[in-house]
Amino acid sequence: MQHRTLREGMIAAFIGGTAVALWFLVVDLANDRFLYTPTVLGRTVMSLFGPVDSPDSTNAVTLVYTLVHYAVFFAIGIL
């Protein structure tokens, strides 16, 4: 029974995380700023660990934010 609850929590977390990510994408595309929200949030997350060195690190900060975004959703889904 516990594995079923864990699996369902992870599925719900994936669906919720993806829905929020798609919402960010729609809002950013409507404002002609592709991946603006995850980039800004990624810079914020990375600034917690120190200064972000390069303004050209858009892909890196977007990836970091995406990983943190899904990690938080999975943690909540498991709980």
Protein backbone atom coordinates (compact mmCIF):
# COMPACT_ATOMS: atom_id res chain seq x y z
CA MET A 1 0.00 0.00 0.00
CA GLN A 2 2.85 2.40 0.80
CA HIS A 3 4.40 1.98 -2.68
CA ARG A 4 1.08 2.84 -4.29
CA THR A 5 0.80 6.04 -2.25
CA LEU A 6 4.38 6.98 -3.07
CA ARG A 7 3.86 6.32 -6.77
CA GLU A 8 0.64 8.33 -6.86
CA GLY A 9 2.32 11.20 -5.01
CA MET A 10 5.15 11.24 -7.51
CA ILE A 11 2.77 11.13 -10.47
CA ALA A 12 0.73 13.98 -9.01
CA ALA A 13 3.95 15.93 -8.36
CA PHE A 14 5.09 15.43 -11.95
CA ILE A 15 1.73 16.56 -13.31
CA GLY A 16 1.62 19.59 -10.98
CA GLY A 17 5.22 20.58 -11.70
CA THR A 18 4.66 20.27 -15.43
CA ALA A 19 1.43 22.29 -15.25
CA VAL A 20 3.21 25.13 -13.45
CA ALA A 21 6.14 24.98 -15.90
CA LEU A 22 3.74 25.13 -18.85
CA TRP A 23 1.96 28.08 -17.25
CA PHE A 24 5.29 29.91 -16.94
CA LEU A 25 5.97 29.12 -20.61
CA VAL A 26 2.57 30.43 -21.75
CA VAL A 27 2.95 33.64 -19.75
CA ASP A 28 6.50 34.17 -21.01
CA LEU A 29 5.52 33.54 -24.63
CA ALA A 30 2.58 35.94 -24.29
CA ASN A 31 5.07 38.60 -23.20
CA ASP A 32 7.63 37.68 -25.91
CA ARG A 33 10.16 36.56 -23.26
CA PHE A 34 10.93 32.89 -23.89
CA LEU A 35 11.99 31.16 -20.62
CA TYR A 36 12.18 34.49 -18.78
CA THR A 37 10.49 33.27 -15.57
CA PRO A 38 12.61 30.14 -15.04
CA THR A 39 15.74 32.13 -15.85
CA VAL A 40 14.95 34.82 -13.28
CA LEU A 41 13.93 32.26 -10.67
CA GLY A 42 17.04 30.18 -11.47
CA ARG A 43 19.27 33.21 -10.93
CA THR A 44 17.51 33.77 -7.61
CA VAL A 45 18.03 30.15 -6.54
CA MET A 46 21.67 30.21 -7.61
CA SER A 47 22.27 33.52 -5.83
CA LEU A 48 21.48 31.74 -2.57
CA PHE A 49 24.70 29.76 -3.08
CA GLY A 50 26.82 32.70 -4.25
CA PRO A 51 26.97 35.23 -7.06
CA VAL A 52 26.04 34.14 -10.57
CA ASP A 53 29.25 34.71 -12.52
CA SER A 54 28.22 35.10 -16.11
CA PRO A 55 25.20 36.68 -17.76
CA ASP A 56 25.66 34.05 -20.51
CA SER A 57 24.72 31.25 -18.11
CA THR A 58 21.02 31.36 -19.03
CA ASN A 59 20.88 27.64 -19.85
CA ALA A 60 22.63 26.70 -16.61
CA VAL A 61 20.37 28.76 -14.35
CA THR A 62 17.26 27.56 -16.20
CA LEU A 63 18.38 23.95 -15.73
CA VAL A 64 19.14 24.51 -12.04
CA TYR A 65 15.73 26.09 -11.50
CA THR A 66 14.00 23.24 -13.36
CA LEU A 67 15.71 20.66 -11.16
CA VAL A 68 14.84 22.57 -7.98
CA HIS A 69 11.28 23.13 -9.23
CA TYR A 70 10.66 19.41 -9.76
CA ALA A 71 12.52 18.44 -6.58
CA VAL A 72 10.21 20.63 -4.51
CA PHE A 73 7.13 19.25 -6.26
CA PHE A 74 8.33 15.66 -5.71
CA ALA A 75 9.07 16.37 -2.04
CA ILE A 76 5.57 17.76 -1.56
CA GLY A 77 4.05 14.87 -3.52
CA ILE A 78 5.84 12.30 -1.38
CA LEU A 79 4.70 13.98 1.82
